[in-house]
Amino acid sequence: MFKLSKEAKLGLLVIVTIFFSIWGYKYIKGKDLFSKTIEIKAIFSDVTGLEISSPVFINGYKIGSVTGIDINKAKVDEMIVNISIEKDFNIPNDAIAIMYDDGIVGGKNIKIEFSQLCNGNNCIVNGDVLKAKSEGLLTSMLGTDNVNEYIETAGNKLSETIDHLGDADKNGALHETLRNLNLSLANIASMTSSLNKVLVNNSQNMNSMMKNMDKMMGNIADNNENISQILTNLNTITADFGNANIGSNTATTLENAKLATTQLNTTLANTEKAMNNLNSILAKMDAGDGSLSKLLNDKKLYDNLEFTSKNLALLLQDLRINPGRYVNISVFGKKKKDYILPENDPAFQDTLR
């Protein structure tokens, strides 16, 4: 049996390792060393989301992958995408390479579309550059023919929905919110109109107020020196108050005021009590209770008292003028004088004075 040396085994192992490393690297990049492929290119303006090893499809069937992405240094708005596809497919050289979105969260893929198969003379060969275009997510999901129809239908539905938002016969929080919003806007418009009317009606008053304000500010500016002098005097007075022993005097004054207030309250209470008693007496007098009430209200009693008072006054007057009529005083046997009627006797006058 043929036996390899250790050095030969090591060399063979290294070769196999290198081969599989290269094959694995190419496979990861989307190129299979054991399959027959051709290399073509497509030029896009933007390759965002497209990666090396991204698959290439025809009618949903994978026929190859992206093997490289380069920028055209002479024309930086062109991105050159290298594509490796299997050789057995008859793809015409006027086919179009379309880059599209693989779902919402997926990346970018490439699909090749053409109208008819090639007949041998117009098939793609190594190095051919295909026409290229990109499709958005919506076009990728619905197709080019359905996008316009979908947009038109969605636009009509949206327009119809917007036109009927807030209708009185519509239920739901959104419709209720829009109705309230319309009402609020109407109220705001009404308030704004009213405010405008008020401002127009009061513009003359506002102008007058502004003129008065200007005059007042002018007066303040003209009397700035006097105001400064007043403030200086106030500072001086405040300092004098601060230096004076106002605390103790104020406390004494407050104590005296408190005492006077207490006395005043007592006096008022006594006065109120006396007034109550007086009111009670007056009420009794007005009701006819008691002698004083009868004296005030009984005219006959008043006339008798007046007559009695008049006679008493006459009696006292006569006693003063003619005491001998009432007191018999004899000194050393002197005879009593006869009563002589005085002139202008008050008894014969109409009234006493």
Protein backbone atom coordinates (compact mmCIF):
# COMPACT_ATOMS: atom_id res chain seq x y z
CA MET A 1 0.00 0.00 0.00
CA PHE A 2 1.16 3.40 -0.90
CA LYS A 3 1.96 5.30 2.22
CA LEU A 4 2.21 9.09 2.37
CA SER A 5 4.80 10.74 4.47
CA LYS A 6 3.89 13.12 7.17
CA GLU A 7 5.02 16.08 5.06
CA ALA A 8 2.76 14.98 2.16
CA LYS A 9 -0.22 14.57 4.46
CA LEU A 10 0.38 18.01 5.90
CA GLY A 11 0.66 19.56 2.44
CA LEU A 12 -2.51 17.82 1.24
CA LEU A 13 -4.35 19.02 4.33
CA VAL A 14 -3.23 22.57 3.68
CA ILE A 15 -4.40 22.40 0.03
CA VAL A 16 -7.78 20.99 0.98
CA THR A 17 -8.15 23.64 3.68
CA ILE A 18 -7.32 26.45 1.27
CA PHE A 19 -9.70 25.05 -1.36
CA PHE A 20 -12.61 24.80 1.03
CA SER A 21 -11.82 28.24 2.43
CA ILE A 22 -11.97 29.76 -1.05
CA TRP A 23 -15.07 27.79 -1.92
CA GLY A 24 -16.75 28.80 1.34
CA TYR A 25 -15.88 32.46 0.81
CA LYS A 26 -17.25 32.38 -2.73
CA TYR A 27 -20.36 30.52 -1.59
CA ILE A 28 -21.00 33.07 1.12
CA LYS A 29 -20.73 35.77 -1.54
CA GLY A 30 -23.27 33.90 -3.64
CA LYS A 31 -20.99 32.21 -6.15
CA ASP A 32 -20.83 28.45 -6.44
CA LEU A 33 -17.50 27.16 -7.82
CA PHE A 34 -19.08 23.89 -8.95
CA SER A 35 -21.82 25.42 -11.06
CA LYS A 36 -21.60 26.94 -14.52
CA THR A 37 -22.34 30.65 -14.30
CA ILE A 38 -21.99 33.81 -16.27
CA GLU A 39 -21.18 37.24 -14.86
CA ILE A 40 -23.30 40.23 -15.85
CA LYS A 41 -23.76 43.74 -14.49
CA ALA A 42 -26.52 46.22 -13.78
CA ILE A 43 -26.18 49.91 -12.97
CA PHE A 44 -28.43 51.53 -10.31
CA SER A 45 -28.50 55.05 -8.92
CA ASP A 46 -29.04 53.88 -5.32
CA VAL A 47 -28.34 50.47 -3.79
CA THR A 48 -29.49 51.17 -0.23
CA GLY A 49 -30.46 47.85 1.38
CA LEU A 50 -28.82 45.72 -1.33
CA GLU A 51 -26.05 43.45 -0.08
CA ILE A 52 -23.52 41.06 -1.52
CA SER A 53 -25.08 37.57 -1.76
CA SER A 54 -28.58 39.09 -2.18
CA PRO A 55 -30.56 36.63 -4.36
CA VAL A 56 -31.50 37.14 -8.00
CA PHE A 57 -34.86 35.75 -9.21
CA ILE A 58 -36.75 35.02 -12.37
CA ASN A 59 -40.49 34.60 -11.76
CA GLY A 60 -39.77 33.93 -8.08
CA TYR A 61 -37.12 31.27 -8.78
CA LYS A 62 -33.56 31.93 -7.63
CA ILE A 63 -31.07 31.77 -10.51
CA GLY A 64 -28.13 33.58 -9.01
CA SER A 65 -26.91 36.18 -6.53
CA VAL A 66 -25.13 39.50 -6.19
CA THR A 67 -21.36 39.01 -6.11
CA GLY A 68 -20.17 42.59 -5.83
CA ILE A 69 -21.21 46.24 -5.48
CA ASP A 70 -18.90 48.99 -6.72
CA ILE A 71 -19.16 52.71 -7.40
CA ASN A 72 -18.30 54.16 -10.77
CA LYS A 73 -15.45 56.48 -9.88
CA ALA A 74 -15.79 58.37 -13.13
CA LYS A 75 -19.52 58.91 -12.53
CA VAL A 76 -20.30 58.67 -8.82
CA ASP A 77 -24.09 58.64 -9.29
CA GLU A 78 -23.82 55.15 -10.79
CA MET A 79 -23.55 52.02 -8.65
CA ILE A 80 -22.28 48.94 -10.50
CA VAL A 81 -23.80 45.69 -9.26
CA ASN A 82 -22.11 42.45 -10.28
CA ILE A 83 -24.51 39.53 -10.75
CA SER A 84 -23.68 35.85 -11.12
CA ILE A 85 -26.42 33.71 -12.70
CA GLU A 86 -26.61 30.14 -13.90
CA LYS A 87 -25.61 29.64 -17.50
CA ASP A 88 -28.45 27.30 -18.51
CA PHE A 89 -31.14 30.03 -18.64
CA ASN A 90 -31.91 31.64 -21.97
CA ILE A 91 -32.11 35.25 -20.91
CA PRO A 92 -32.22 37.90 -23.64
CA ASN A 93 -29.76 40.75 -23.46
CA ASP A 94 -32.60 43.31 -23.41
CA ALA A 95 -33.85 41.96 -20.08
CA ILE A 96 -34.30 44.38 -17.21
CA ALA A 97 -32.76 43.94 -13.74
CA ILE A 98 -35.23 45.30 -11.17
CA MET A 99 -34.21 45.96 -7.56
CA TYR A 100 -37.17 45.66 -5.15
CA ASP A 101 -37.97 45.44 -1.44
CA ASP A 102 -38.28 42.02 0.11
CA GLY A 103 -41.13 42.88 2.48
CA ILE A 104 -41.36 45.57 5.15
CA VAL A 105 -38.47 44.33 7.30
CA GLY A 106 -36.52 42.56 4.56
CA GLY A 107 -33.66 43.84 2.46
CA LYS A 108 -33.35 44.36 -1.27
CA ASN A 109 -33.45 41.64 -3.93
CA ILE A 110 -33.08 41.67 -7.72
CA LYS A 111 -35.42 40.13 -10.24
CA ILE A 112 -34.89 39.84 -13.99
CA GLU A 113 -37.85 40.45 -16.27
CA PHE A 114 -38.14 40.06 -20.02
CA SER A 115 -40.91 39.68 -22.57
CA GLN A 116 -39.63 36.60 -24.48
CA LEU A 117 -36.75 34.10 -24.42
CA CYS A 118 -33.63 34.61 -26.50
CA ASN A 119 -33.08 32.59 -29.69
CA GLY A 120 -29.30 32.11 -29.34
CA ASN A 121 -28.03 35.26 -30.95
CA ASN A 122 -29.42 37.69 -28.42
CA CYS A 123 -28.76 35.76 -25.18
CA ILE A 124 -26.71 37.37 -22.45
CA VAL A 125 -23.03 36.54 -22.18
CA ASN A 126 -20.29 37.30 -19.68
CA GLY A 127 -19.82 41.03 -19.15
CA ASP A 128 -23.20 42.15 -20.51
CA VAL A 129 -24.78 45.18 -18.78
CA LEU A 130 -28.52 44.92 -18.26
CA LYS A 131 -30.95 47.79 -18.06
CA ALA A 132 -31.85 48.51 -14.43
CA LYS A 133 -34.61 50.15 -12.44
CA SER A 134 -35.87 50.20 -8.83
CA GLU A 135 -39.31 49.62 -7.36
CA GLY A 136 -40.69 50.92 -4.08
CA LEU A 137 -42.22 48.83 -1.33
CA LEU A 138 -45.80 49.39 -2.49
CA THR A 139 -44.98 48.53 -6.10
CA SER A 140 -43.08 45.48 -4.96
CA MET A 141 -46.02 44.19 -2.93
CA LEU A 142 -48.85 44.99 -5.36
CA GLY A 143 -47.21 45.10 -8.75
CA THR A 144 -46.98 47.98 -11.17
CA ASP A 145 -50.45 47.45 -12.66
CA ASN A 146 -52.18 47.33 -9.28
CA VAL A 147 -50.43 50.29 -7.65
CA ASN A 148 -52.31 52.96 -9.58
CA GLU A 149 -55.63 51.19 -9.03
CA TYR A 150 -54.85 50.80 -5.34
CA ILE A 151 -53.82 54.43 -4.96
CA GLU A 152 -56.93 55.62 -6.80
CA THR A 153 -59.22 53.40 -4.72
CA ALA A 154 -57.53 54.35 -1.46
CA GLY A 155 -57.67 58.03 -2.43
CA ASN A 156 -61.38 57.84 -3.20
CA LYS A 157 -62.11 56.04 0.06
CA LEU A 158 -60.01 58.51 2.01
CA SER A 159 -61.69 61.46 0.31
CA GLU A 160 -65.13 60.00 1.02
CA THR A 161 -64.22 59.36 4.63
CA ILE A 162 -62.87 62.88 5.10
CA ASP A 163 -65.96 64.42 3.48
CA HIS A 164 -68.28 62.66 5.94
CA LEU A 165 -66.19 63.16 9.07
CA GLY A 166 -68.24 64.75 11.82
CA ASP A 167 -71.65 64.16 10.19
CA ALA A 168 -74.55 64.25 12.62
CA ASP A 169 -75.63 60.70 11.74
CA LYS A 170 -72.15 59.26 12.28
CA ASN A 171 -71.23 57.59 15.55
CA GLY A 172 -67.83 57.17 17.08
CA ALA A 173 -65.30 59.13 19.08
CA LEU A 174 -63.67 60.67 16.01
CA HIS A 175 -66.95 62.00 14.61
CA GLU A 176 -67.96 63.32 18.04
CA THR A 177 -64.57 64.99 18.46
CA LEU A 178 -64.84 66.67 15.07
CA ARG A 179 -68.36 67.89 15.80
CA ASN A 180 -67.17 69.38 19.08
CA LEU A 181 -64.20 70.89 17.27
CA ASN A 182 -66.49 72.50 14.69
CA LEU A 183 -68.65 73.89 17.51
CA SER A 184 -65.57 75.22 19.31
CA LEU A 185 -64.30 76.86 16.13
CA ALA A 186 -67.69 78.48 15.58
CA ASN A 187 -67.64 79.81 19.14
CA ILE A 188 -64.11 81.11 18.67
CA ALA A 189 -65.15 82.84 15.44
CA SER A 190 -68.11 84.43 17.24
CA MET A 191 -65.91 85.54 20.12
CA THR A 192 -63.36 86.97 17.70
CA SER A 193 -66.07 88.91 15.89
CA SER A 194 -67.40 90.28 19.18
CA LEU A 195 -63.90 91.19 20.29
CA ASN A 196 -63.28 93.02 17.02
CA LYS A 197 -66.49 94.99 17.50
CA VAL A 198 -65.48 95.88 21.06
CA LEU A 199 -62.04 96.96 19.91
CA VAL A 200 -63.51 99.08 17.12
CA ASN A 201 -66.05 100.68 19.45
CA ASN A 202 -63.42 101.37 22.10
CA SER A 203 -60.58 102.38 19.81
CA GLN A 204 -61.23 106.06 20.54
CA ASN A 205 -61.20 105.40 24.29
CA MET A 206 -58.01 103.42 23.95
CA ASN A 207 -56.40 106.24 21.97
CA SER A 208 -57.48 108.68 24.67
CA MET A 209 -56.08 106.38 27.35
CA MET A 210 -52.77 106.12 25.50
CA LYS A 211 -52.60 109.91 25.20
CA ASN A 212 -53.29 110.25 28.92
CA MET A 213 -50.62 107.66 29.62
CA ASP A 214 -48.18 109.65 27.49
CA LYS A 215 -49.06 112.82 29.37
CA MET A 216 -48.70 111.06 32.71
CA MET A 217 -45.32 109.63 31.75
CA GLY A 218 -44.28 113.09 30.54
CA ASN A 219 -45.33 114.59 33.86
CA ILE A 220 -43.38 111.93 35.71
CA ALA A 221 -40.34 112.65 33.58
CA ASP A 222 -40.72 116.41 34.15
CA ASN A 223 -41.06 115.91 37.91
CA ASN A 224 -38.33 113.35 38.23
CA GLU A 225 -36.27 115.67 40.40
CA ASN A 226 -39.20 116.33 42.74
CA ILE A 227 -39.92 112.60 42.98
CA SER A 228 -36.29 111.94 43.86
CA GLN A 229 -36.48 114.62 46.57
CA ILE A 230 -39.68 113.05 47.96
CA LEU A 231 -38.04 109.63 48.06
CA THR A 232 -35.03 111.14 49.82
CA ASN A 233 -37.30 112.74 52.42
CA LEU A 234 -39.13 109.44 52.91
CA ASN A 235 -35.81 107.69 53.48
CA THR A 236 -34.88 110.36 56.04
CA ILE A 237 -38.22 110.01 57.84
CA THR A 238 -37.90 106.21 57.83
CA ALA A 239 -34.41 106.48 59.29
CA ASP A 240 -35.68 108.87 62.01
CA PHE A 241 -38.45 106.43 62.87
CA GLY A 242 -35.92 103.63 62.99
CA ASN A 243 -33.64 105.56 65.33
CA ALA A 244 -36.50 106.65 67.60
CA ASN A 245 -37.64 104.48 70.51
CA ILE A 246 -40.97 103.73 68.86
CA GLY A 247 -41.29 100.20 70.14
CA SER A 248 -41.97 101.00 73.80
CA ASN A 249 -44.13 104.03 72.97
CA THR A 250 -46.13 101.98 70.53
CA ALA A 251 -46.64 99.23 73.10
CA THR A 252 -47.82 101.78 75.71
CA THR A 253 -50.13 103.42 73.19
CA LEU A 254 -51.59 100.08 72.19
CA GLU A 255 -52.13 99.15 75.85
CA ASN A 256 -53.89 102.47 76.53
CA ALA A 257 -55.97 102.02 73.38
CA LYS A 258 -56.90 98.53 74.52
CA LEU A 259 -57.92 99.86 77.97
CA ALA A 260 -59.91 102.70 76.40
CA THR A 261 -61.61 100.20 74.12
CA THR A 262 -62.56 98.05 77.11
CA GLN A 263 -63.99 101.06 78.94
CA LEU A 264 -65.82 102.15 75.83
CA ASN A 265 -67.34 98.69 75.49
CA THR A 266 -68.47 98.85 79.14
CA THR A 267 -69.97 102.32 78.62
CA LEU A 268 -71.74 101.16 75.47
CA ALA A 269 -73.11 98.14 77.33
CA ASN A 270 -74.42 100.36 80.15
CA THR A 271 -75.83 102.82 77.64
CA GLU A 272 -77.56 99.99 75.82
CA LYS A 273 -78.99 98.75 79.11
CA ALA A 274 -80.25 102.25 80.00
CA MET A 275 -81.75 102.66 76.55
CA ASN A 276 -83.53 99.34 76.93
CA ASN A 277 -84.97 100.45 80.27
CA LEU A 278 -85.99 103.80 78.78
CA ASN A 279 -87.62 102.02 75.86
CA SER A 280 -89.49 99.81 78.32
CA ILE A 281 -90.71 102.86 80.29
CA LEU A 282 -91.74 104.65 77.12
CA ALA A 283 -93.52 101.53 75.93
CA LYS A 284 -95.47 101.34 79.20
CA MET A 285 -96.25 105.04 79.00
CA ASP A 286 -97.45 104.62 75.45
CA ALA A 287 -99.57 101.64 76.50
CA GLY A 288 -101.23 103.66 79.29
CA ASP A 289 -99.70 101.80 82.27
CA GLY A 290 -98.78 103.76 85.43
CA SER A 291 -99.45 107.20 86.84
CA LEU A 292 -97.01 108.99 84.59
CA SER A 293 -98.80 107.57 81.53
CA LYS A 294 -102.13 108.72 82.94
CA LEU A 295 -100.60 112.12 83.67
CA LEU A 296 -99.48 112.40 80.12
CA ASN A 297 -102.57 110.95 78.49
CA ASP A 298 -105.42 112.12 80.85
CA LYS A 299 -106.15 115.80 79.98
CA LYS A 300 -108.65 116.21 82.85
CA LEU A 301 -105.99 115.21 85.36
CA TYR A 302 -103.60 117.63 83.71
CA ASP A 303 -106.12 120.48 83.97
CA ASN A 304 -106.74 119.70 87.67
CA LEU A 305 -103.05 119.66 88.41
CA GLU A 306 -102.58 122.93 86.54
CA PHE A 307 -105.50 124.48 88.47
CA THR A 308 -104.15 123.21 91.77
CA SER A 309 -100.68 124.50 90.94
CA LYS A 310 -102.09 127.90 90.08
CA ASN A 311 -104.05 128.13 93.34
CA LEU A 312 -101.02 127.01 95.32
CA ALA A 313 -98.98 129.71 93.65
CA LEU A 314 -101.66 132.29 94.58
CA LEU A 315 -101.71 131.03 98.14
CA LEU A 316 -97.97 131.33 98.47
CA GLN A 317 -98.04 134.75 96.86
CA ASP A 318 -100.74 135.94 99.31
CA LEU A 319 -98.86 134.42 102.22
CA ARG A 320 -95.77 136.32 101.20
CA ILE A 321 -97.64 139.61 100.75
CA ASN A 322 -100.05 139.34 103.72
CA PRO A 323 -98.57 137.06 106.32
CA GLY A 324 -100.78 138.70 108.96
CA ARG A 325 -103.81 137.02 107.49
CA TYR A 326 -102.48 133.68 108.47
CA VAL A 327 -100.14 134.27 111.44
CA ASN A 328 -101.24 136.35 114.44
CA ILE A 329 -98.15 137.98 115.86
CA SER A 330 -98.67 140.52 118.69
CA VAL A 331 -95.72 142.36 120.07
CA PHE A 332 -96.35 144.42 123.20
CA GLY A 333 -100.08 144.39 122.70
CA LYS A 334 -99.97 145.90 119.31
CA LYS A 335 -103.18 145.52 117.46
CA LYS A 336 -103.47 143.49 114.38
CA LYS A 337 -103.59 145.50 111.21
CA ASP A 338 -106.54 145.12 108.99
CA TYR A 339 -106.10 143.30 105.71
CA ILE A 340 -105.63 145.64 102.79
CA LEU A 341 -106.33 144.27 99.37
CA PRO A 342 -103.15 144.78 97.35
CA GLU A 343 -103.17 146.43 94.03
CA ASN A 344 -102.69 144.16 91.05
CA ASP A 345 -103.72 141.12 93.05
CA PRO A 346 -102.47 138.07 91.16
CA ALA A 347 -105.65 136.29 91.99
CA PHE A 348 -107.47 138.56 89.66
CA GLN A 349 -104.98 138.16 86.83
CA ASP A 350 -105.60 135.66 84.03
CA THR A 351 -102.27 133.88 84.31
CA LEU A 352 -99.43 133.54 86.70
CA ARG A 353 -96.07 134.72 85.56
